[in-house]
Amino acid sequence: MTYLYLALAIVAEVAATTFLKLSDGFSKPLPSIVTVLGYAIAFYFLSLTLRSLPTGLVYAVWSGVGVVLIATIAWVFQSQKLDTAALCGMGLIVSGVVVINLFSSSTPH
């Protein structure tokens, strides 16, 4: 159940960040509301995740997966360009999260 909470936290954070861009500096009401609610939901589920997993591990997964998802959404829906350096950097982030989850003694296996 813990990893489900983490997944929900990541999805809510990604949605909130996507709508943050659409809120245009909180000048558009609907995207602004979605942003605030998304972050509230994200932090709620993140707090549930932190009950049973170490903070460092949770934050590594949260940020790594979030960065890749946000960049992908921005590329697909907002015409953001991803060059080779950006793709390599995201690959390194994903690799780091995988290494932490598979090999770190701080991770409950």
C-alpha atoms as a PDB file:
ATOM      1  CA  MET A   1       0.000   0.000   0.000  1.00  0.00           C
ATOM      2  CA  THR A   2       2.925   2.331   0.719  1.00  0.00           C
ATOM      3  CA  TYR A   3       4.097   2.369  -2.893  1.00  0.00           C
ATOM      4  CA  LEU A   4       0.526   3.040  -4.019  1.00  0.00           C
ATOM      5  CA  TYR A   5       0.507   6.111  -1.759  1.00  0.00           C
ATOM      6  CA  LEU A   6       3.813   7.197  -3.269  1.00  0.00           C
ATOM      7  CA  ALA A   7       2.468   6.724  -6.801  1.00  0.00           C
ATOM      8  CA  LEU A   8      -0.627   8.773  -5.958  1.00  0.00           C
ATOM      9  CA  ALA A   9       1.569  11.491  -4.462  1.00  0.00           C
ATOM     10  CA  ILE A  10       3.686  11.604  -7.620  1.00  0.00           C
ATOM     11  CA  VAL A  11       0.681  11.720  -9.956  1.00  0.00           C
ATOM     12  CA  ALA A  12      -0.950  14.498  -7.908  1.00  0.00           C
ATOM     13  CA  GLU A  13       2.290  16.498  -7.848  1.00  0.00           C
ATOM     14  CA  VAL A  14       2.792  16.104 -11.593  1.00  0.00           C
ATOM     15  CA  ALA A  15      -0.789  17.218 -12.247  1.00  0.00           C
ATOM     16  CA  ALA A  16      -0.366  20.187  -9.903  1.00  0.00           C
ATOM     17  CA  THR A  17       2.876  21.246 -11.569  1.00  0.00           C
ATOM     18  CA  THR A  18       1.333  20.928 -15.019  1.00  0.00           C
ATOM     19  CA  PHE A  19      -1.596  23.114 -13.993  1.00  0.00           C
ATOM     20  CA  LEU A  20       0.770  25.566 -12.293  1.00  0.00           C
ATOM     21  CA  LYS A  21       2.078  26.449 -15.739  1.00  0.00           C
ATOM     22  CA  LEU A  22      -1.487  26.756 -17.022  1.00  0.00           C
ATOM     23  CA  SER A  23      -2.507  28.985 -14.090  1.00  0.00           C
ATOM     24  CA  ASP A  24      -0.427  31.830 -15.562  1.00  0.00           C
ATOM     25  CA  GLY A  25       0.853  33.084 -12.213  1.00  0.00           C
ATOM     26  CA  PHE A  26      -2.391  32.116 -10.442  1.00  0.00           C
ATOM     27  CA  SER A  27      -4.324  34.536 -12.647  1.00  0.00           C
ATOM     28  CA  LYS A  28      -6.641  31.820 -14.029  1.00  0.00           C
ATOM     29  CA  PRO A  29      -9.013  30.420 -11.390  1.00  0.00           C
ATOM     30  CA  LEU A  30      -9.584  26.828 -12.545  1.00  0.00           C
ATOM     31  CA  PRO A  31      -5.938  25.885 -13.154  1.00  0.00           C
ATOM     32  CA  SER A  32      -5.039  27.670  -9.887  1.00  0.00           C
ATOM     33  CA  ILE A  33      -7.560  25.600  -7.930  1.00  0.00           C
ATOM     34  CA  VAL A  34      -6.321  22.367  -9.539  1.00  0.00           C
ATOM     35  CA  THR A  35      -2.752  23.364  -8.643  1.00  0.00           C
ATOM     36  CA  VAL A  36      -3.507  23.979  -4.966  1.00  0.00           C
ATOM     37  CA  LEU A  37      -5.643  20.845  -4.621  1.00  0.00           C
ATOM     38  CA  GLY A  38      -3.056  18.761  -6.470  1.00  0.00           C
ATOM     39  CA  TYR A  39      -0.261  19.832  -4.152  1.00  0.00           C
ATOM     40  CA  ALA A  40      -2.455  19.258  -1.076  1.00  0.00           C
ATOM     41  CA  ILE A  41      -3.274  15.734  -2.252  1.00  0.00           C
ATOM     42  CA  ALA A  42       0.364  15.101  -3.154  1.00  0.00           C
ATOM     43  CA  PHE A  43       1.649  16.117   0.261  1.00  0.00           C
ATOM     44  CA  TYR A  44      -1.061  14.139   2.037  1.00  0.00           C
ATOM     45  CA  PHE A  45      -0.108  10.923   0.240  1.00  0.00           C
ATOM     46  CA  LEU A  46       3.575  11.739   0.636  1.00  0.00           C
ATOM     47  CA  SER A  47       3.045  12.016   4.400  1.00  0.00           C
ATOM     48  CA  LEU A  48       1.405   8.579   4.421  1.00  0.00           C
ATOM     49  CA  THR A  49       4.350   7.167   2.493  1.00  0.00           C
ATOM     50  CA  LEU A  50       6.818   8.604   5.001  1.00  0.00           C
ATOM     51  CA  ARG A  51       5.211   6.587   7.793  1.00  0.00           C
ATOM     52  CA  SER A  52       6.947   3.453   6.565  1.00  0.00           C
ATOM     53  CA  LEU A  53       9.726   4.392   4.139  1.00  0.00           C
ATOM     54  CA  PRO A  54      12.878   6.450   4.742  1.00  0.00           C
ATOM     55  CA  THR A  55      12.707  10.106   3.752  1.00  0.00           C
ATOM     56  CA  GLY A  56      15.752   9.937   1.474  1.00  0.00           C
ATOM     57  CA  LEU A  57      14.388   7.018  -0.502  1.00  0.00           C
ATOM     58  CA  VAL A  58      10.931   8.550  -0.818  1.00  0.00           C
ATOM     59  CA  TYR A  59      12.309  11.889  -1.954  1.00  0.00           C
ATOM     60  CA  ALA A  60      14.631  10.244  -4.488  1.00  0.00           C
ATOM     61  CA  VAL A  61      11.760   8.328  -6.073  1.00  0.00           C
ATOM     62  CA  TRP A  62       9.334  11.272  -5.809  1.00  0.00           C
ATOM     63  CA  SER A  63      11.701  13.743  -7.438  1.00  0.00           C
ATOM     64  CA  GLY A  64      13.176  11.367 -10.010  1.00  0.00           C
ATOM     65  CA  VAL A  65       9.888  10.072 -11.341  1.00  0.00           C
ATOM     66  CA  GLY A  66       8.350  13.537 -11.086  1.00  0.00           C
ATOM     67  CA  VAL A  67      11.098  15.178 -13.149  1.00  0.00           C
ATOM     68  CA  VAL A  68      10.790  12.613 -15.917  1.00  0.00           C
ATOM     69  CA  LEU A  69       6.985  12.782 -15.995  1.00  0.00           C
ATOM     70  CA  ILE A  70       6.896  16.595 -15.951  1.00  0.00           C
ATOM     71  CA  ALA A  71       9.490  16.809 -18.728  1.00  0.00           C
ATOM     72  CA  THR A  72       7.549  14.267 -20.790  1.00  0.00           C
ATOM     73  CA  ILE A  73       4.261  16.120 -20.320  1.00  0.00           C
ATOM     74  CA  ALA A  74       5.913  19.437 -21.185  1.00  0.00           C
ATOM     75  CA  TRP A  75       7.427  17.854 -24.299  1.00  0.00           C
ATOM     76  CA  VAL A  76       4.140  16.283 -25.472  1.00  0.00           C
ATOM     77  CA  PHE A  77       1.604  18.951 -24.497  1.00  0.00           C
ATOM     78  CA  GLN A  78       3.557  22.206 -24.167  1.00  0.00           C
ATOM     79  CA  SER A  79       6.049  21.858 -27.053  1.00  0.00           C
ATOM     80  CA  GLN A  80       9.080  21.938 -24.757  1.00  0.00           C
ATOM     81  CA  LYS A  81      12.192  20.775 -26.556  1.00  0.00           C
ATOM     82  CA  LEU A  82      14.308  18.054 -24.955  1.00  0.00           C
ATOM     83  CA  ASP A  83      17.849  17.949 -26.272  1.00  0.00           C
ATOM     84  CA  THR A  84      20.386  15.159 -25.858  1.00  0.00           C
ATOM     85  CA  ALA A  85      21.758  16.621 -22.632  1.00  0.00           C
ATOM     86  CA  ALA A  86      18.270  16.781 -21.095  1.00  0.00           C
ATOM     87  CA  LEU A  87      17.526  13.190 -22.086  1.00  0.00           C
ATOM     88  CA  CYS A  88      20.888  11.983 -20.743  1.00  0.00           C
ATOM     89  CA  GLY A  89      20.314  13.860 -17.493  1.00  0.00           C
ATOM     90  CA  MET A  90      16.891  12.300 -17.050  1.00  0.00           C
ATOM     91  CA  GLY A  91      18.409   8.900 -17.796  1.00  0.00           C
ATOM     92  CA  LEU A  92      20.917   9.469 -15.013  1.00  0.00           C
ATOM     93  CA  ILE A  93      18.128  10.464 -12.623  1.00  0.00           C
ATOM     94  CA  VAL A  94      16.190   7.283 -13.425  1.00  0.00           C
ATOM     95  CA  SER A  95      19.369   5.230 -13.073  1.00  0.00           C
ATOM     96  CA  GLY A  96      20.008   6.764  -9.666  1.00  0.00           C
ATOM     97  CA  VAL A  97      16.510   5.931  -8.446  1.00  0.00           C
ATOM     98  CA  VAL A  98      16.907   2.346  -9.700  1.00  0.00           C
ATOM     99  CA  VAL A  99      20.284   1.972  -7.963  1.00  0.00           C
ATOM    100  CA  ILE A 100      18.861   3.289  -4.684  1.00  0.00           C
ATOM    101  CA  ASN A 101      15.891   0.941  -4.845  1.00  0.00           C
ATOM    102  CA  LEU A 102      17.860  -2.144  -5.826  1.00  0.00           C
ATOM    103  CA  PHE A 103      21.136  -1.805  -3.975  1.00  0.00           C
ATOM    104  CA  SER A 104      20.898   0.639  -1.103  1.00  0.00           C
ATOM    105  CA  SER A 105      20.807  -0.779   2.417  1.00  0.00           C
ATOM    106  CA  SER A 106      18.563   2.138   3.399  1.00  0.00           C
ATOM    107  CA  THR A 107      15.786   0.650   1.282  1.00  0.00           C
ATOM    108  CA  PRO A 108      13.521  -2.040   2.725  1.00  0.00           C
ATOM    109  CA  HIS A 109      13.763  -4.906   0.219  1.00  0.00           C
END
